[in-house]
Amino acid sequence: MLGWDTGTVEIINPIEVNIDAEQQSSFALSKQTLVVSTTDSTEKIGNAAVDGDNAHISWNVDTVRLPVYSRYSSSLTFEIGAKGGFGPLKGQPAALAILWLQDIPDDEVVDVKLPILVAKDMRQVRQNYINEHTRKGHDYKTVGWLITKVRVDKGLDPV
């Protein structure tokens, strides 16, 4: 059940990225960084483990906690391969995955599988709710999938 507008977004499980086989030649995962952000906070994630074929990578996270103050107009964005800075699109990331927080119920752990998108204008794509209608007005392609678990901890948090 949806509820509170203020909360803390928790990423609970390791974050896994899998690149589709047909996209591996154009989008390799070696030496990629991951920046996770809401409209209110940003965190750079380290400790990536890449498999031998550069098609799978995972970031082991205990729990990443990011505050959000306007949940119903905020997204959780995963920037893969962010270059030229720290935080939401200071440099153009190589790819991104977006989860709009309006879709996550309060206090429930939700498995998410998000498309990993590549576009010429990543800023424009980042601002959009991604569904079947988005492709009609925006030029992007899906290169793989990001898988993790997310929970929105409702209300203010003393931590």
C-alpha atoms as a PDB file:
ATOM      1  CA  MET A   1       0.000   0.000   0.000  1.00  0.00           C
ATOM      2  CA  LEU A   2       1.387   3.397  -0.947  1.00  0.00           C
ATOM      3  CA  GLY A   3       1.449   6.091   1.661  1.00  0.00           C
ATOM      4  CA  TRP A   4       4.102   8.484   2.882  1.00  0.00           C
ATOM      5  CA  ASP A   5       5.719  11.115   0.638  1.00  0.00           C
ATOM      6  CA  THR A   6       8.873  11.280   2.797  1.00  0.00           C
ATOM      7  CA  GLY A   7      11.012   8.222   3.369  1.00  0.00           C
ATOM      8  CA  THR A   8      14.279   6.395   2.942  1.00  0.00           C
ATOM      9  CA  VAL A   9      14.982   4.236  -0.090  1.00  0.00           C
ATOM     10  CA  GLU A  10      16.900   1.101   0.838  1.00  0.00           C
ATOM     11  CA  ILE A  11      18.768  -1.055  -1.650  1.00  0.00           C
ATOM     12  CA  ILE A  12      19.063  -4.351   0.183  1.00  0.00           C
ATOM     13  CA  ASN A  13      20.573  -6.984  -2.067  1.00  0.00           C
ATOM     14  CA  PRO A  14      23.618  -6.929  -4.290  1.00  0.00           C
ATOM     15  CA  ILE A  15      22.993  -4.956  -7.451  1.00  0.00           C
ATOM     16  CA  GLU A  16      23.458  -7.110 -10.545  1.00  0.00           C
ATOM     17  CA  VAL A  17      23.793  -5.973 -14.137  1.00  0.00           C
ATOM     18  CA  ASN A  18      23.462  -8.368 -17.062  1.00  0.00           C
ATOM     19  CA  ILE A  19      24.164  -7.201 -20.604  1.00  0.00           C
ATOM     20  CA  ASP A  20      22.252  -8.934 -23.411  1.00  0.00           C
ATOM     21  CA  ALA A  21      24.454 -11.148 -25.609  1.00  0.00           C
ATOM     22  CA  GLU A  22      23.749  -9.141 -28.790  1.00  0.00           C
ATOM     23  CA  GLN A  23      24.793  -5.886 -27.045  1.00  0.00           C
ATOM     24  CA  GLN A  24      28.086  -7.113 -25.555  1.00  0.00           C
ATOM     25  CA  SER A  25      30.220  -5.886 -28.446  1.00  0.00           C
ATOM     26  CA  SER A  26      28.916  -2.313 -28.109  1.00  0.00           C
ATOM     27  CA  PHE A  27      28.622  -2.114 -24.309  1.00  0.00           C
ATOM     28  CA  ALA A  28      31.292  -3.814 -22.201  1.00  0.00           C
ATOM     29  CA  LEU A  29      31.145  -3.741 -18.407  1.00  0.00           C
ATOM     30  CA  SER A  30      34.828  -3.730 -17.518  1.00  0.00           C
ATOM     31  CA  LYS A  31      35.866  -0.910 -15.172  1.00  0.00           C
ATOM     32  CA  GLN A  32      32.331   0.442 -14.817  1.00  0.00           C
ATOM     33  CA  THR A  33      31.273   2.576 -11.895  1.00  0.00           C
ATOM     34  CA  LEU A  34      27.820   2.775 -10.339  1.00  0.00           C
ATOM     35  CA  VAL A  35      26.177   5.895  -8.940  1.00  0.00           C
ATOM     36  CA  VAL A  36      22.782   5.510  -7.253  1.00  0.00           C
ATOM     37  CA  SER A  37      20.657   8.600  -6.661  1.00  0.00           C
ATOM     38  CA  THR A  38      17.276   9.992  -5.743  1.00  0.00           C
ATOM     39  CA  THR A  39      16.337  13.632  -6.241  1.00  0.00           C
ATOM     40  CA  ASP A  40      17.666  14.276  -2.720  1.00  0.00           C
ATOM     41  CA  SER A  41      20.793  12.146  -2.334  1.00  0.00           C
ATOM     42  CA  THR A  42      23.547  10.386  -4.248  1.00  0.00           C
ATOM     43  CA  GLU A  43      25.908   7.543  -3.410  1.00  0.00           C
ATOM     44  CA  LYS A  44      28.778   6.029  -5.362  1.00  0.00           C
ATOM     45  CA  ILE A  45      28.944   2.241  -5.057  1.00  0.00           C
ATOM     46  CA  GLY A  46      32.287   0.432  -5.152  1.00  0.00           C
ATOM     47  CA  ASN A  47      33.517  -3.164  -4.994  1.00  0.00           C
ATOM     48  CA  ALA A  48      32.240  -4.369  -8.364  1.00  0.00           C
ATOM     49  CA  ALA A  49      32.876  -7.928  -9.441  1.00  0.00           C
ATOM     50  CA  VAL A  50      32.987  -8.465 -13.228  1.00  0.00           C
ATOM     51  CA  ASP A  51      32.887 -11.930 -14.712  1.00  0.00           C
ATOM     52  CA  GLY A  52      35.276 -12.993 -17.451  1.00  0.00           C
ATOM     53  CA  ASP A  53      33.062 -12.097 -20.408  1.00  0.00           C
ATOM     54  CA  ASN A  54      32.277  -8.494 -19.289  1.00  0.00           C
ATOM     55  CA  ALA A  55      28.552  -9.218 -19.595  1.00  0.00           C
ATOM     56  CA  HIS A  56      27.752  -9.558 -15.896  1.00  0.00           C
ATOM     57  CA  ILE A  57      28.747  -7.363 -12.979  1.00  0.00           C
ATOM     58  CA  SER A  58      27.612  -7.133  -9.379  1.00  0.00           C
ATOM     59  CA  TRP A  59      28.098  -4.647  -6.598  1.00  0.00           C
ATOM     60  CA  ASN A  60      27.923  -6.165  -3.125  1.00  0.00           C
ATOM     61  CA  VAL A  61      26.129  -3.724  -0.874  1.00  0.00           C
ATOM     62  CA  ASP A  62      25.106  -4.281   2.719  1.00  0.00           C
ATOM     63  CA  THR A  63      22.340  -1.702   2.582  1.00  0.00           C
ATOM     64  CA  VAL A  64      22.381   1.586   0.708  1.00  0.00           C
ATOM     65  CA  ARG A  65      20.022   4.155   2.262  1.00  0.00           C
ATOM     66  CA  LEU A  66      19.016   7.319   0.409  1.00  0.00           C
ATOM     67  CA  PRO A  67      16.508   9.892   1.699  1.00  0.00           C
ATOM     68  CA  VAL A  68      13.619  11.045  -0.456  1.00  0.00           C
ATOM     69  CA  TYR A  69      11.314  13.951   0.366  1.00  0.00           C
ATOM     70  CA  SER A  70       8.985  13.951  -2.648  1.00  0.00           C
ATOM     71  CA  ARG A  71       8.605  10.277  -3.328  1.00  0.00           C
ATOM     72  CA  TYR A  72       5.712  10.491  -5.773  1.00  0.00           C
ATOM     73  CA  SER A  73       7.715  12.722  -8.113  1.00  0.00           C
ATOM     74  CA  SER A  74      11.103  11.043  -7.525  1.00  0.00           C
ATOM     75  CA  SER A  75      12.997   8.226  -9.119  1.00  0.00           C
ATOM     76  CA  LEU A  76      15.788   5.942  -8.007  1.00  0.00           C
ATOM     77  CA  THR A  77      18.393   6.128 -10.759  1.00  0.00           C
ATOM     78  CA  PHE A  78      21.315   3.778 -11.305  1.00  0.00           C
ATOM     79  CA  GLU A  79      24.009   5.434 -13.454  1.00  0.00           C
ATOM     80  CA  ILE A  80      26.397   2.870 -14.897  1.00  0.00           C
ATOM     81  CA  GLY A  81      29.786   4.108 -16.028  1.00  0.00           C
ATOM     82  CA  ALA A  82      29.277   7.701 -14.821  1.00  0.00           C
ATOM     83  CA  LYS A  83      32.073   9.897 -16.143  1.00  0.00           C
ATOM     84  CA  GLY A  84      33.252  13.395 -15.326  1.00  0.00           C
ATOM     85  CA  GLY A  85      31.880  13.825 -11.844  1.00  0.00           C
ATOM     86  CA  PHE A  86      29.888  12.446  -8.983  1.00  0.00           C
ATOM     87  CA  GLY A  87      26.120  12.540  -8.855  1.00  0.00           C
ATOM     88  CA  PRO A  88      23.143  12.762 -11.131  1.00  0.00           C
ATOM     89  CA  LEU A  89      24.452  13.117 -14.675  1.00  0.00           C
ATOM     90  CA  LYS A  90      27.317  15.543 -13.908  1.00  0.00           C
ATOM     91  CA  GLY A  91      29.020  13.679 -16.716  1.00  0.00           C
ATOM     92  CA  GLN A  92      27.126  11.495 -19.123  1.00  0.00           C
ATOM     93  CA  PRO A  93      26.872   7.923 -17.820  1.00  0.00           C
ATOM     94  CA  ALA A  94      27.401   5.084 -20.256  1.00  0.00           C
ATOM     95  CA  ALA A  95      23.944   3.714 -19.330  1.00  0.00           C
ATOM     96  CA  LEU A  96      21.231   4.050 -16.722  1.00  0.00           C
ATOM     97  CA  ALA A  97      18.297   2.242 -15.150  1.00  0.00           C
ATOM     98  CA  ILE A  98      15.352   4.080 -13.583  1.00  0.00           C
ATOM     99  CA  LEU A  99      12.805   3.076 -10.937  1.00  0.00           C
ATOM    100  CA  TRP A 100      10.029   5.546 -10.124  1.00  0.00           C
ATOM    101  CA  LEU A 101       9.318   5.420  -6.398  1.00  0.00           C
ATOM    102  CA  GLN A 102       5.579   5.882  -6.867  1.00  0.00           C
ATOM    103  CA  ASP A 103       5.529   2.207  -7.877  1.00  0.00           C
ATOM    104  CA  ILE A 104       6.994   0.896  -4.589  1.00  0.00           C
ATOM    105  CA  PRO A 105       4.707   0.195  -1.586  1.00  0.00           C
ATOM    106  CA  ASP A 106       5.764   1.369   1.900  1.00  0.00           C
ATOM    107  CA  ASP A 107       7.898  -0.997   3.972  1.00  0.00           C
ATOM    108  CA  GLU A 108       7.817  -3.918   1.521  1.00  0.00           C
ATOM    109  CA  VAL A 109      10.913  -5.485  -0.002  1.00  0.00           C
ATOM    110  CA  VAL A 110      10.345  -5.483  -3.762  1.00  0.00           C
ATOM    111  CA  ASP A 111      12.371  -7.413  -6.358  1.00  0.00           C
ATOM    112  CA  VAL A 112      13.108  -5.097  -9.255  1.00  0.00           C
ATOM    113  CA  LYS A 113      14.308  -5.875 -12.768  1.00  0.00           C
ATOM    114  CA  LEU A 114      14.972  -2.647 -14.656  1.00  0.00           C
ATOM    115  CA  PRO A 115      15.971  -2.162 -18.284  1.00  0.00           C
ATOM    116  CA  ILE A 116      19.444  -0.689 -18.743  1.00  0.00           C
ATOM    117  CA  LEU A 117      19.157   2.143 -21.241  1.00  0.00           C
ATOM    118  CA  VAL A 118      21.671   3.794 -23.558  1.00  0.00           C
ATOM    119  CA  ALA A 119      20.822   7.051 -25.353  1.00  0.00           C
ATOM    120  CA  LYS A 120      22.467  10.070 -26.944  1.00  0.00           C
ATOM    121  CA  ASP A 121      20.638  12.361 -24.514  1.00  0.00           C
ATOM    122  CA  MET A 122      20.736  10.597 -21.142  1.00  0.00           C
ATOM    123  CA  ARG A 123      19.386  13.671 -19.309  1.00  0.00           C
ATOM    124  CA  GLN A 124      16.177  13.553 -21.317  1.00  0.00           C
ATOM    125  CA  VAL A 125      15.695   9.822 -20.842  1.00  0.00           C
ATOM    126  CA  ARG A 126      16.393  10.118 -17.084  1.00  0.00           C
ATOM    127  CA  GLN A 127      13.427  12.464 -16.669  1.00  0.00           C
ATOM    128  CA  ASN A 128      10.891  10.064 -18.171  1.00  0.00           C
ATOM    129  CA  TYR A 129       8.799   7.229 -16.853  1.00  0.00           C
ATOM    130  CA  ILE A 130       9.959   4.284 -18.965  1.00  0.00           C
ATOM    131  CA  ASN A 131       7.140   2.259 -20.512  1.00  0.00           C
ATOM    132  CA  GLU A 132       5.955   1.186 -23.979  1.00  0.00           C
ATOM    133  CA  HIS A 133       5.015   4.774 -24.904  1.00  0.00           C
ATOM    134  CA  THR A 134       8.399   6.307 -24.035  1.00  0.00           C
ATOM    135  CA  ARG A 135      10.123   4.832 -27.087  1.00  0.00           C
ATOM    136  CA  LYS A 136       7.741   6.725 -29.403  1.00  0.00           C
ATOM    137  CA  GLY A 137       9.203  10.089 -28.388  1.00  0.00           C
ATOM    138  CA  HIS A 138      12.730   9.213 -27.233  1.00  0.00           C
ATOM    139  CA  ASP A 139      15.679   7.600 -28.960  1.00  0.00           C
ATOM    140  CA  TYR A 140      17.216   4.965 -26.679  1.00  0.00           C
ATOM    141  CA  LYS A 141      17.989   1.269 -26.669  1.00  0.00           C
ATOM    142  CA  THR A 142      17.922  -1.398 -23.988  1.00  0.00           C
ATOM    143  CA  VAL A 143      21.279  -3.153 -23.550  1.00  0.00           C
ATOM    144  CA  GLY A 144      20.503  -5.347 -20.549  1.00  0.00           C
ATOM    145  CA  TRP A 145      18.889  -5.610 -17.121  1.00  0.00           C
ATOM    146  CA  LEU A 146      19.623  -4.430 -13.584  1.00  0.00           C
ATOM    147  CA  ILE A 147      18.345  -6.645 -10.766  1.00  0.00           C
ATOM    148  CA  THR A 148      18.180  -5.818  -7.051  1.00  0.00           C
ATOM    149  CA  LYS A 149      15.796  -5.514  -4.084  1.00  0.00           C
ATOM    150  CA  VAL A 150      14.393  -2.182  -2.904  1.00  0.00           C
ATOM    151  CA  ARG A 151      12.300  -1.012   0.046  1.00  0.00           C
ATOM    152  CA  VAL A 152      10.898   2.440   0.819  1.00  0.00           C
ATOM    153  CA  ASP A 153      11.057   2.935   4.580  1.00  0.00           C
ATOM    154  CA  LYS A 154       8.170   5.343   5.233  1.00  0.00           C
ATOM    155  CA  GLY A 155       8.435   8.589   7.172  1.00  0.00           C
ATOM    156  CA  LEU A 156      11.403  10.253   8.793  1.00  0.00           C
ATOM    157  CA  ASP A 157      14.248   8.036   9.910  1.00  0.00           C
ATOM    158  CA  PRO A 158      16.518   8.892  12.868  1.00  0.00           C
ATOM    159  CA  VAL A 159      19.469   7.375  10.972  1.00  0.00           C
END
